Amino acid sequence: MTAISRGSPWPLAGRLFGAVVVTNYLYRPLFPKILAALEPGGVLIYETFALGNERFGKPRNPDHLLAAGELLEAVRGSLKVIAYEDLERPPPKRARIQRICAVSADP
């Protein structure tokens, strides 16, 4: 597992992975690099907060919240979407989230 922080150089350049999992993190400039890190047939699982989450707590900053359909747009033309949800998570940890599972094309 590799943690990526903002402003750091991309440590995974040139490496491919069978799966990439991202949770509760949004830094839009990394979308292309994340997609490029998937090997053919590789799976992306991504879940993070969406606009509307500010009603329930942090994050509240729109820079850290996905717009409606943003995850779908991020993978459009690159990956095949297997599942996508844009929903409000119920109590006890209410949140507004988007999640996607998508697969890169086989060679």
PDB file of N, CA and C in Angstrom:
ATOM      1  N   MET A   1       0.851  -1.175   0.000  1.00  0.00           N
ATOM      2  CA  MET A   1       0.000   0.000   0.000  1.00  0.00           C
ATOM      3  C   MET A   1       0.897   1.239   0.000  1.00  0.00           C
ATOM      4  N   THR A   2       0.537   2.207  -0.797  1.00  0.00           N
ATOM      5  CA  THR A   2       1.299   3.439  -0.897  1.00  0.00           C
ATOM      6  C   THR A   2       0.370   4.612  -0.633  1.00  0.00           C
ATOM      7  N   ALA A   3       0.732   5.457   0.311  1.00  0.00           N
ATOM      8  CA  ALA A   3      -0.043   6.668   0.578  1.00  0.00           C
ATOM      9  C   ALA A   3       0.533   7.796  -0.268  1.00  0.00           C
ATOM     10  N   ILE A   4      -0.359   8.586  -0.836  1.00  0.00           N
ATOM     11  CA  ILE A   4       0.044   9.698  -1.696  1.00  0.00           C
ATOM     12  C   ILE A   4      -0.377  10.991  -1.017  1.00  0.00           C
ATOM     13  N   SER A   5       0.535  11.951  -0.917  1.00  0.00           N
ATOM     14  CA  SER A   5       0.169  13.235  -0.341  1.00  0.00           C
ATOM     15  C   SER A   5       0.244  14.320  -1.407  1.00  0.00           C
ATOM     16  N   ARG A   6      -0.546  15.355  -1.209  1.00  0.00           N
ATOM     17  CA  ARG A   6      -0.584  16.472  -2.158  1.00  0.00           C
ATOM     18  C   ARG A   6       0.776  17.138  -2.258  1.00  0.00           C
ATOM     19  N   GLY A   7       1.108  17.499  -3.466  1.00  0.00           N
ATOM     20  CA  GLY A   7       2.362  18.201  -3.679  1.00  0.00           C
ATOM     21  C   GLY A   7       3.564  17.281  -3.820  1.00  0.00           C
ATOM     22  N   SER A   8       3.409  16.013  -3.452  1.00  0.00           N
ATOM     23  CA  SER A   8       4.516  15.067  -3.603  1.00  0.00           C
ATOM     24  C   SER A   8       4.600  14.619  -5.057  1.00  0.00           C
ATOM     25  N   PRO A   9       5.803  14.275  -5.515  1.00  0.00           N
ATOM     26  CA  PRO A   9       5.893  13.720  -6.865  1.00  0.00           C
ATOM     27  C   PRO A   9       5.147  12.380  -6.908  1.00  0.00           C
ATOM     28  N   TRP A  10       4.607  12.044  -8.072  1.00  0.00           N
ATOM     29  CA  TRP A  10       3.863  10.797  -8.232  1.00  0.00           C
ATOM     30  C   TRP A  10       4.839   9.630  -8.083  1.00  0.00           C
ATOM     31  N   PRO A  11       4.740   8.863  -7.007  1.00  0.00           N
ATOM     32  CA  PRO A  11       5.724   7.811  -6.735  1.00  0.00           C
ATOM     33  C   PRO A  11       5.498   6.529  -7.527  1.00  0.00           C
ATOM     34  N   LEU A  12       4.400   6.456  -8.269  1.00  0.00           N
ATOM     35  CA  LEU A  12       4.066   5.204  -8.952  1.00  0.00           C
ATOM     36  C   LEU A  12       4.249   5.271 -10.458  1.00  0.00           C
ATOM     37  N   ALA A  13       4.938   6.289 -10.937  1.00  0.00           N
ATOM     38  CA  ALA A  13       5.138   6.460 -12.380  1.00  0.00           C
ATOM     39  C   ALA A  13       5.749   5.198 -12.976  1.00  0.00           C
ATOM     40  N   GLY A  14       5.149   4.735 -14.076  1.00  0.00           N
ATOM     41  CA  GLY A  14       5.669   3.570 -14.770  1.00  0.00           C
ATOM     42  C   GLY A  14       5.267   2.239 -14.182  1.00  0.00           C
ATOM     43  N   ARG A  15       4.530   2.241 -13.075  1.00  0.00           N
ATOM     44  CA  ARG A  15       4.094   0.988 -12.452  1.00  0.00           C
ATOM     45  C   ARG A  15       2.628   0.745 -12.768  1.00  0.00           C
ATOM     46  N   LEU A  16       2.266  -0.525 -12.915  1.00  0.00           N
ATOM     47  CA  LEU A  16       0.886  -0.911 -13.178  1.00  0.00           C
ATOM     48  C   LEU A  16       0.393  -1.839 -12.083  1.00  0.00           C
ATOM     49  N   PHE A  17      -0.912  -1.742 -11.794  1.00  0.00           N
ATOM     50  CA  PHE A  17      -1.505  -2.510 -10.706  1.00  0.00           C
ATOM     51  C   PHE A  17      -2.788  -3.183 -11.174  1.00  0.00           C
ATOM     52  N   GLY A  18      -3.057  -4.350 -10.609  1.00  0.00           N
ATOM     53  CA  GLY A  18      -4.283  -5.074 -10.906  1.00  0.00           C
ATOM     54  C   GLY A  18      -5.495  -4.442 -10.269  1.00  0.00           C
ATOM     55  N   ALA A  19      -5.283  -3.651  -9.237  1.00  0.00           N
ATOM     56  CA  ALA A  19      -6.380  -2.956  -8.563  1.00  0.00           C
ATOM     57  C   ALA A  19      -5.853  -1.688  -7.905  1.00  0.00           C
ATOM     58  N   VAL A  20      -6.685  -0.665  -7.920  1.00  0.00           N
ATOM     59  CA  VAL A  20      -6.398   0.578  -7.207  1.00  0.00           C
ATOM     60  C   VAL A  20      -7.649   0.899  -6.408  1.00  0.00           C
ATOM     61  N   VAL A  21      -7.454   1.131  -5.101  1.00  0.00           N
ATOM     62  CA  VAL A  21      -8.559   1.463  -4.209  1.00  0.00           C
ATOM     63  C   VAL A  21      -8.282   2.829  -3.593  1.00  0.00           C
ATOM     64  N   VAL A  22      -9.270   3.732  -3.712  1.00  0.00           N
ATOM     65  CA  VAL A  22      -9.157   5.066  -3.139  1.00  0.00           C
ATOM     66  C   VAL A  22     -10.399   5.291  -2.280  1.00  0.00           C
ATOM     67  N   THR A  23     -10.200   5.685  -1.030  1.00  0.00           N
ATOM     68  CA  THR A  23     -11.326   5.973  -0.146  1.00  0.00           C
ATOM     69  C   THR A  23     -11.118   7.295   0.564  1.00  0.00           C
ATOM     70  N   ASN A  24     -12.187   8.063   0.639  1.00  0.00           N
ATOM     71  CA  ASN A  24     -12.219   9.317   1.395  1.00  0.00           C
ATOM     72  C   ASN A  24     -11.071  10.250   1.045  1.00  0.00           C
ATOM     73  N   TYR A  25     -10.776  10.352  -0.241  1.00  0.00           N
ATOM     74  CA  TYR A  25      -9.689  11.205  -0.698  1.00  0.00           C
ATOM     75  C   TYR A  25     -10.052  11.767  -2.065  1.00  0.00           C
ATOM     76  N   LEU A  26      -9.807  13.049  -2.254  1.00  0.00           N
ATOM     77  CA  LEU A  26     -10.079  13.666  -3.542  1.00  0.00           C
ATOM     78  C   LEU A  26      -9.026  14.723  -3.832  1.00  0.00           C
ATOM     79  N   TYR A  27      -8.230  14.440  -4.847  1.00  0.00           N
ATOM     80  CA  TYR A  27      -7.279  15.405  -5.386  1.00  0.00           C
ATOM     81  C   TYR A  27      -7.341  15.222  -6.898  1.00  0.00           C
ATOM     82  N   ARG A  28      -8.168  16.036  -7.527  1.00  0.00           N
ATOM     83  CA  ARG A  28      -8.526  15.855  -8.938  1.00  0.00           C
ATOM     84  C   ARG A  28      -7.346  15.707  -9.894  1.00  0.00           C
ATOM     85  N   PRO A  29      -6.225  16.412  -9.684  1.00  0.00           N
ATOM     86  CA  PRO A  29      -5.105  16.241 -10.608  1.00  0.00           C
ATOM     87  C   PRO A  29      -4.565  14.804 -10.672  1.00  0.00           C
ATOM     88  N   LEU A  30      -4.894  13.966  -9.695  1.00  0.00           N
ATOM     89  CA  LEU A  30      -4.415  12.584  -9.714  1.00  0.00           C
ATOM     90  C   LEU A  30      -5.285  11.644 -10.546  1.00  0.00           C
ATOM     91  N   PHE A  31      -6.483  12.052 -10.937  1.00  0.00           N
ATOM     92  CA  PHE A  31      -7.357  11.149 -11.692  1.00  0.00           C
ATOM     93  C   PHE A  31      -6.639  10.513 -12.891  1.00  0.00           C
ATOM     94  N   PRO A  32      -6.014  11.288 -13.772  1.00  0.00           N
ATOM     95  CA  PRO A  32      -5.354  10.657 -14.928  1.00  0.00           C
ATOM     96  C   PRO A  32      -4.226   9.692 -14.523  1.00  0.00           C
ATOM     97  N   LYS A  33      -3.505  10.034 -13.480  1.00  0.00           N
ATOM     98  CA  LYS A  33      -2.406   9.175 -13.036  1.00  0.00           C
ATOM     99  C   LYS A  33      -2.936   7.879 -12.425  1.00  0.00           C
ATOM    100  N   ILE A  34      -4.035   7.973 -11.702  1.00  0.00           N
ATOM    101  CA  ILE A  34      -4.649   6.771 -11.125  1.00  0.00           C
ATOM    102  C   ILE A  34      -5.121   5.839 -12.244  1.00  0.00           C
ATOM    103  N   LEU A  35      -5.785   6.398 -13.241  1.00  0.00           N
ATOM    104  CA  LEU A  35      -6.269   5.579 -14.355  1.00  0.00           C
ATOM    105  C   LEU A  35      -5.101   4.950 -15.114  1.00  0.00           C
ATOM    106  N   ALA A  36      -4.029   5.697 -15.295  1.00  0.00           N
ATOM    107  CA  ALA A  36      -2.860   5.185 -16.016  1.00  0.00           C
ATOM    108  C   ALA A  36      -2.129   4.094 -15.231  1.00  0.00           C
ATOM    109  N   ALA A  37      -2.368   4.004 -13.935  1.00  0.00           N
ATOM    110  CA  ALA A  37      -1.702   3.001 -13.100  1.00  0.00           C
ATOM    111  C   ALA A  37      -2.390   1.636 -13.148  1.00  0.00           C
ATOM    112  N   LEU A  38      -3.526   1.548 -13.837  1.00  0.00           N
ATOM    113  CA  LEU A  38      -4.234   0.266 -13.929  1.00  0.00           C
ATOM    114  C   LEU A  38      -3.682  -0.565 -15.073  1.00  0.00           C
ATOM    115  N   GLU A  39      -3.348  -1.814 -14.790  1.00  0.00           N
ATOM    116  CA  GLU A  39      -2.946  -2.720 -15.861  1.00  0.00           C
ATOM    117  C   GLU A  39      -4.189  -3.131 -16.650  1.00  0.00           C
ATOM    118  N   PRO A  40      -4.020  -3.657 -17.854  1.00  0.00           N
ATOM    119  CA  PRO A  40      -5.183  -4.122 -18.616  1.00  0.00           C
ATOM    120  C   PRO A  40      -6.011  -5.107 -17.789  1.00  0.00           C
ATOM    121  N   GLY A  41      -7.295  -4.869 -17.726  1.00  0.00           N
ATOM    122  CA  GLY A  41      -8.185  -5.685 -16.904  1.00  0.00           C
ATOM    123  C   GLY A  41      -8.174  -5.303 -15.435  1.00  0.00           C
ATOM    124  N   GLY A  42      -7.409  -4.260 -15.075  1.00  0.00           N
ATOM    125  CA  GLY A  42      -7.314  -3.821 -13.685  1.00  0.00           C
ATOM    126  C   GLY A  42      -8.597  -3.153 -13.215  1.00  0.00           C
ATOM    127  N   VAL A  43      -8.820  -3.200 -11.916  1.00  0.00           N
ATOM    128  CA  VAL A  43     -10.051  -2.703 -11.305  1.00  0.00           C
ATOM    129  C   VAL A  43      -9.776  -1.440 -10.484  1.00  0.00           C
ATOM    130  N   LEU A  44     -10.627  -0.456 -10.660  1.00  0.00           N
ATOM    131  CA  LEU A  44     -10.605   0.752  -9.839  1.00  0.00           C
ATOM    132  C   LEU A  44     -11.820   0.735  -8.930  1.00  0.00           C
ATOM    133  N   ILE A  45     -11.588   0.885  -7.649  1.00  0.00           N
ATOM    134  CA  ILE A  45     -12.664   1.074  -6.675  1.00  0.00           C
ATOM    135  C   ILE A  45     -12.383   2.408  -6.005  1.00  0.00           C
ATOM    136  N   TYR A  46     -13.333   3.328  -6.116  1.00  0.00           N
ATOM    137  CA  TYR A  46     -13.128   4.688  -5.617  1.00  0.00           C
ATOM    138  C   TYR A  46     -14.391   5.126  -4.889  1.00  0.00           C
ATOM    139  N   GLU A  47     -14.230   5.615  -3.664  1.00  0.00           N
ATOM    140  CA  GLU A  47     -15.356   6.149  -2.900  1.00  0.00           C
ATOM    141  C   GLU A  47     -14.885   7.361  -2.118  1.00  0.00           C
ATOM    142  N   THR A  48     -15.633   8.448  -2.256  1.00  0.00           N
ATOM    143  CA  THR A  48     -15.322   9.633  -1.465  1.00  0.00           C
ATOM    144  C   THR A  48     -16.551  10.523  -1.354  1.00  0.00           C
ATOM    145  N   PHE A  49     -16.388  11.612  -0.670  1.00  0.00           N
ATOM    146  CA  PHE A  49     -17.500  12.497  -0.338  1.00  0.00           C
ATOM    147  C   PHE A  49     -17.949  13.328  -1.533  1.00  0.00           C
ATOM    148  N   ALA A  50     -19.229  13.665  -1.534  1.00  0.00           N
ATOM    149  CA  ALA A  50     -19.828  14.426  -2.627  1.00  0.00           C
ATOM    150  C   ALA A  50     -20.492  15.691  -2.096  1.00  0.00           C
ATOM    151  N   LEU A  51     -20.763  16.610  -3.027  1.00  0.00           N
ATOM    152  CA  LEU A  51     -21.490  17.827  -2.653  1.00  0.00           C
ATOM    153  C   LEU A  51     -22.775  17.452  -1.936  1.00  0.00           C
ATOM    154  N   GLY A  52     -23.072  18.153  -0.878  1.00  0.00           N
ATOM    155  CA  GLY A  52     -24.196  17.845  -0.012  1.00  0.00           C
ATOM    156  C   GLY A  52     -23.719  17.298   1.317  1.00  0.00           C
ATOM    157  N   ASN A  53     -22.457  16.823   1.340  1.00  0.00           N
ATOM    158  CA  ASN A  53     -21.907  16.292   2.588  1.00  0.00           C
ATOM    159  C   ASN A  53     -21.740  17.379   3.650  1.00  0.00           C
ATOM    160  N   GLU A  54     -21.649  18.623   3.207  1.00  0.00           N
ATOM    161  CA  GLU A  54     -21.464  19.725   4.165  1.00  0.00           C
ATOM    162  C   GLU A  54     -22.598  19.777   5.184  1.00  0.00           C
ATOM    163  N   ARG A  55     -23.748  19.205   4.882  1.00  0.00           N
ATOM    164  CA  ARG A  55     -24.869  19.163   5.838  1.00  0.00           C
ATOM    165  C   ARG A  55     -24.583  18.235   7.008  1.00  0.00           C
ATOM    166  N   PHE A  56     -23.648  17.291   6.811  1.00  0.00           N
ATOM    167  CA  PHE A  56     -23.414  16.255   7.814  1.00  0.00           C
ATOM    168  C   PHE A  56     -22.094  16.391   8.552  1.00  0.00           C
ATOM    169  N   GLY A  57     -21.210  17.214   8.077  1.00  0.00           N
ATOM    170  CA  GLY A  57     -19.903  17.364   8.724  1.00  0.00           C
ATOM    171  C   GLY A  57     -18.818  17.549   7.687  1.00  0.00           C
ATOM    172  N   LYS A  58     -17.616  17.191   8.071  1.00  0.00           N
ATOM    173  CA  LYS A  58     -16.458  17.381   7.205  1.00  0.00           C
ATOM    174  C   LYS A  58     -16.326  16.203   6.262  1.00  0.00           C
ATOM    175  N   PRO A  59     -15.768  16.444   5.072  1.00  0.00           N
ATOM    176  CA  PRO A  59     -15.333  17.723   4.545  1.00  0.00           C
ATOM    177  C   PRO A  59     -16.510  18.579   4.093  1.00  0.00           C
ATOM    178  N   ARG A  60     -16.309  19.882   4.177  1.00  0.00           N
ATOM    179  CA  ARG A  60     -17.320  20.866   3.771  1.00  0.00           C
ATOM    180  C   ARG A  60     -16.878  21.690   2.568  1.00  0.00           C
ATOM    181  N   ASN A  61     -15.586  21.768   2.372  1.00  0.00           N
ATOM    182  CA  ASN A  61     -15.013  22.571   1.300  1.00  0.00           C
ATOM    183  C   ASN A  61     -15.367  21.943  -0.050  1.00  0.00           C
ATOM    184  N   PRO A  62     -15.985  22.696  -0.954  1.00  0.00           N
ATOM    185  CA  PRO A  62     -16.355  22.142  -2.261  1.00  0.00           C
ATOM    186  C   PRO A  62     -15.167  21.586  -3.047  1.00  0.00           C
ATOM    187  N   ASP A  63     -13.948  22.064  -2.764  1.00  0.00           N
ATOM    188  CA  ASP A  63     -12.763  21.524  -3.430  1.00  0.00           C
ATOM    189  C   ASP A  63     -12.529  20.058  -3.072  1.00  0.00           C
ATOM    190  N   HIS A  64     -13.128  19.620  -1.971  1.00  0.00           N
ATOM    191  CA  HIS A  64     -12.933  18.248  -1.480  1.00  0.00           C
ATOM    192  C   HIS A  64     -14.201  17.411  -1.621  1.00  0.00           C
ATOM    193  N   LEU A  65     -15.156  17.897  -2.406  1.00  0.00           N
ATOM    194  CA  LEU A  65     -16.425  17.198  -2.605  1.00  0.00           C
ATOM    195  C   LEU A  65     -16.682  17.012  -4.092  1.00  0.00           C
ATOM    196  N   LEU A  66     -17.049  15.799  -4.476  1.00  0.00           N
ATOM    197  CA  LEU A  66     -17.344  15.510  -5.873  1.00  0.00           C
ATOM    198  C   LEU A  66     -18.632  16.180  -6.317  1.00  0.00           C
ATOM    199  N   ALA A  67     -18.647  16.703  -7.523  1.00  0.00           N
ATOM    200  CA  ALA A  67     -19.870  17.220  -8.141  1.00  0.00           C
ATOM    201  C   ALA A  67     -20.694  16.023  -8.616  1.00  0.00           C
ATOM    202  N   ALA A  68     -21.959  16.251  -8.887  1.00  0.00           N
ATOM    203  CA  ALA A  68     -22.842  15.183  -9.366  1.00  0.00           C
ATOM    204  C   ALA A  68     -22.240  14.528 -10.611  1.00  0.00           C
ATOM    205  N   GLY A  69     -22.101  13.207 -10.577  1.00  0.00           N
ATOM    206  CA  GLY A  69     -21.590  12.462 -11.717  1.00  0.00           C
ATOM    207  C   GLY A  69     -20.104  12.603 -11.998  1.00  0.00           C
ATOM    208  N   GLU A  70     -19.379  13.242 -11.104  1.00  0.00           N
ATOM    209  CA  GLU A  70     -17.966  13.519 -11.379  1.00  0.00           C
ATOM    210  C   GLU A  70     -17.117  12.255 -11.513  1.00  0.00           C
ATOM    211  N   LEU A  71     -17.375  11.242 -10.715  1.00  0.00           N
ATOM    212  CA  LEU A  71     -16.598  10.010 -10.859  1.00  0.00           C
ATOM    213  C   LEU A  71     -16.867   9.344 -12.209  1.00  0.00           C
ATOM    214  N   LEU A  72     -18.112   9.371 -12.637  1.00  0.00           N
ATOM    215  CA  LEU A  72     -18.439   8.816 -13.958  1.00  0.00           C
ATOM    216  C   LEU A  72     -17.671   9.545 -15.052  1.00  0.00           C
ATOM    217  N   GLU A  73     -17.637  10.855 -14.965  1.00  0.00           N
ATOM    218  CA  GLU A  73     -16.914  11.656 -15.967  1.00  0.00           C
ATOM    219  C   GLU A  73     -15.417  11.381 -15.921  1.00  0.00           C
ATOM    220  N   ALA A  74     -14.881  11.146 -14.727  1.00  0.00           N
ATOM    221  CA  ALA A  74     -13.438  10.920 -14.589  1.00  0.00           C
ATOM    222  C   ALA A  74     -12.976   9.658 -15.303  1.00  0.00           C
ATOM    223  N   VAL A  75     -13.850   8.657 -15.410  1.00  0.00           N
ATOM    224  CA  VAL A  75     -13.456   7.402 -16.050  1.00  0.00           C
ATOM    225  C   VAL A  75     -13.994   7.254 -17.474  1.00  0.00           C
ATOM    226  N   ARG A  76     -14.870   8.169 -17.874  1.00  0.00           N
ATOM    227  CA  ARG A  76     -15.492   8.070 -19.207  1.00  0.00           C
ATOM    228  C   ARG A  76     -14.424   7.978 -20.300  1.00  0.00           C
ATOM    229  N   GLY A  77     -14.581   6.996 -21.176  1.00  0.00           N
ATOM    230  CA  GLY A  77     -13.651   6.808 -22.276  1.00  0.00           C
ATOM    231  C   GLY A  77     -12.399   6.032 -21.906  1.00  0.00           C
ATOM    232  N   SER A  78     -12.187   5.771 -20.614  1.00  0.00           N
ATOM    233  CA  SER A  78     -10.993   5.052 -20.177  1.00  0.00           C
ATOM    234  C   SER A  78     -11.317   3.689 -19.570  1.00  0.00           C
ATOM    235  N   LEU A  79     -12.398   3.621 -18.809  1.00  0.00           N
ATOM    236  CA  LEU A  79     -12.738   2.402 -18.082  1.00  0.00           C
ATOM    237  C   LEU A  79     -14.186   1.998 -18.344  1.00  0.00           C
ATOM    238  N   LYS A  80     -14.468   0.723 -18.157  1.00  0.00           N
ATOM    239  CA  LYS A  80     -15.837   0.212 -18.235  1.00  0.00           C
ATOM    240  C   LYS A  80     -16.408   0.217 -16.818  1.00  0.00           C
ATOM    241  N   VAL A  81     -17.523   0.920 -16.640  1.00  0.00           N
ATOM    242  CA  VAL A  81     -18.141   1.027 -15.324  1.00  0.00           C
ATOM    243  C   VAL A  81     -18.914  -0.250 -15.021  1.00  0.00           C
ATOM    244  N   ILE A  82     -18.600  -0.850 -13.895  1.00  0.00           N
ATOM    245  CA  ILE A  82     -19.291  -2.048 -13.414  1.00  0.00           C
ATOM    246  C   ILE A  82     -20.420  -1.650 -12.470  1.00  0.00           C
ATOM    247  N   ALA A  83     -20.146  -0.687 -11.600  1.00  0.00           N
ATOM    248  CA  ALA A  83     -21.159  -0.207 -10.653  1.00  0.00           C
ATOM    249  C   ALA A  83     -20.837   1.233 -10.285  1.00  0.00           C
ATOM    250  N   TYR A  84     -21.890   2.009 -10.051  1.00  0.00           N
ATOM    251  CA  TYR A  84     -21.732   3.412  -9.650  1.00  0.00           C
ATOM    252  C   TYR A  84     -22.893   3.770  -8.732  1.00  0.00           C
ATOM    253  N   GLU A  85     -22.590   4.492  -7.677  1.00  0.00           N
ATOM    254  CA  GLU A  85     -23.630   4.985  -6.775  1.00  0.00           C
ATOM    255  C   GLU A  85     -23.332   6.423  -6.391  1.00  0.00           C
ATOM    256  N   ASP A  86     -24.371   7.197  -6.289  1.00  0.00           N
ATOM    257  CA  ASP A  86     -24.320   8.574  -5.813  1.00  0.00           C
ATOM    258  C   ASP A  86     -25.432   8.623  -4.782  1.00  0.00           C
ATOM    259  N   LEU A  87     -25.075   8.615  -3.509  1.00  0.00           N
ATOM    260  CA  LEU A  87     -26.095   8.391  -2.491  1.00  0.00           C
ATOM    261  C   LEU A  87     -25.806   9.109  -1.180  1.00  0.00           C
ATOM    262  N   GLU A  88     -26.797   9.073  -0.336  1.00  0.00           N
ATOM    263  CA  GLU A  88     -26.671   9.574   1.032  1.00  0.00           C
ATOM    264  C   GLU A  88     -26.602   8.368   1.950  1.00  0.00           C
ATOM    265  N   ARG A  89     -25.480   8.248   2.655  1.00  0.00           N
ATOM    266  CA  ARG A  89     -25.300   7.146   3.594  1.00  0.00           C
ATOM    267  C   ARG A  89     -26.152   7.417   4.834  1.00  0.00           C
ATOM    268  N   PRO A  90     -26.868   6.412   5.323  1.00  0.00           N
ATOM    269  CA  PRO A  90     -27.759   6.612   6.475  1.00  0.00           C
ATOM    270  C   PRO A  90     -26.996   6.710   7.797  1.00  0.00           C
ATOM    271  N   PRO A  91     -27.700   7.113   8.866  1.00  0.00           N
ATOM    272  CA  PRO A  91     -27.078   7.135  10.194  1.00  0.00           C
ATOM    273  C   PRO A  91     -26.567   5.739  10.548  1.00  0.00           C
ATOM    274  N   PRO A  92     -25.593   5.620  11.394  1.00  0.00           N
ATOM    275  CA  PRO A  92     -25.116   6.643  12.319  1.00  0.00           C
ATOM    276  C   PRO A  92     -24.060   7.579  11.732  1.00  0.00           C
ATOM    277  N   LYS A  93     -23.479   7.261  10.577  1.00  0.00           N
ATOM    278  CA  LYS A  93     -22.459   8.134   9.977  1.00  0.00           C
ATOM    279  C   LYS A  93     -22.990   8.684   8.666  1.00  0.00           C
ATOM    280  N   ARG A  94     -23.959   9.576   8.766  1.00  0.00           N
ATOM    281  CA  ARG A  94     -24.555  10.148   7.565  1.00  0.00           C
ATOM    282  C   ARG A  94     -23.490  10.866   6.752  1.00  0.00           C
ATOM    283  N   ALA A  95     -23.581  10.685   5.459  1.00  0.00           N
ATOM    284  CA  ALA A  95     -22.639  11.338   4.549  1.00  0.00           C
ATOM    285  C   ALA A  95     -23.228  11.292   3.153  1.00  0.00           C
ATOM    286  N   ARG A  96     -22.773  12.190   2.325  1.00  0.00           N
ATOM    287  CA  ARG A  96     -23.133  12.210   0.910  1.00  0.00           C
ATOM    288  C   ARG A  96     -21.907  11.680   0.180  1.00  0.00           C
ATOM    289  N   ILE A  97     -22.043  10.589  -0.562  1.00  0.00           N
ATOM    290  CA  ILE A  97     -20.886   9.957  -1.187  1.00  0.00           C
ATOM    291  C   ILE A  97     -21.171   9.546  -2.634  1.00  0.00           C
ATOM    292  N   GLN A  98     -20.093   9.345  -3.354  1.00  0.00           N
ATOM    293  CA  GLN A  98     -20.127   8.689  -4.656  1.00  0.00           C
ATOM    294  C   GLN A  98     -19.140   7.538  -4.579  1.00  0.00           C
ATOM    295  N   ARG A  99     -19.470   6.455  -5.256  1.00  0.00           N
ATOM    296  CA  ARG A  99     -18.552   5.321  -5.340  1.00  0.00           C
ATOM    297  C   ARG A  99     -18.670   4.697  -6.720  1.00  0.00           C
ATOM    298  N   ILE A 100     -17.554   4.154  -7.153  1.00  0.00           N
ATOM    299  CA  ILE A 100     -17.521   3.543  -8.479  1.00  0.00           C
ATOM    300  C   ILE A 100     -16.615   2.313  -8.454  1.00  0.00           C
ATOM    301  N   CYS A 101     -16.992   1.329  -9.241  1.00  0.00           N
ATOM    302  CA  CYS A 101     -16.148   0.184  -9.532  1.00  0.00           C
ATOM    303  C   CYS A 101     -16.069   0.121 -11.048  1.00  0.00           C
ATOM    304  N   ALA A 102     -14.852   0.168 -11.585  1.00  0.00           N
ATOM    305  CA  ALA A 102     -14.682   0.190 -13.034  1.00  0.00           C
ATOM    306  C   ALA A 102     -13.447  -0.630 -13.400  1.00  0.00           C
ATOM    307  N   VAL A 103     -13.435  -1.117 -14.645  1.00  0.00           N
ATOM    308  CA  VAL A 103     -12.375  -2.006 -15.113  1.00  0.00           C
ATOM    309  C   VAL A 103     -11.735  -1.411 -16.363  1.00  0.00           C
ATOM    310  N   SER A 104     -10.393  -1.525 -16.429  1.00  0.00           N
ATOM    311  CA  SER A 104      -9.707  -1.064 -17.641  1.00  0.00           C
ATOM    312  C   SER A 104      -9.847  -2.135 -18.722  1.00  0.00           C
ATOM    313  N   ALA A 105      -9.715  -1.727 -19.960  1.00  0.00           N
ATOM    314  CA  ALA A 105      -9.878  -2.637 -21.084  1.00  0.00           C
ATOM    315  C   ALA A 105      -8.762  -3.661 -21.122  1.00  0.00           C
ATOM    316  N   ASP A 106      -9.107  -4.871 -21.537  1.00  0.00           N
ATOM    317  CA  ASP A 106      -8.087  -5.899 -21.763  1.00  0.00           C
ATOM    318  C   ASP A 106      -7.299  -5.519 -23.017  1.00  0.00           C
ATOM    319  N   PRO A 107      -6.062  -5.999 -23.112  1.00  0.00           N
ATOM    320  CA  PRO A 107      -5.235  -5.643 -24.284  1.00  0.00           C
ATOM    321  C   PRO A 107      -5.808  -6.209 -25.577  1.00  0.00           C
TER     322      PRO A 107
END
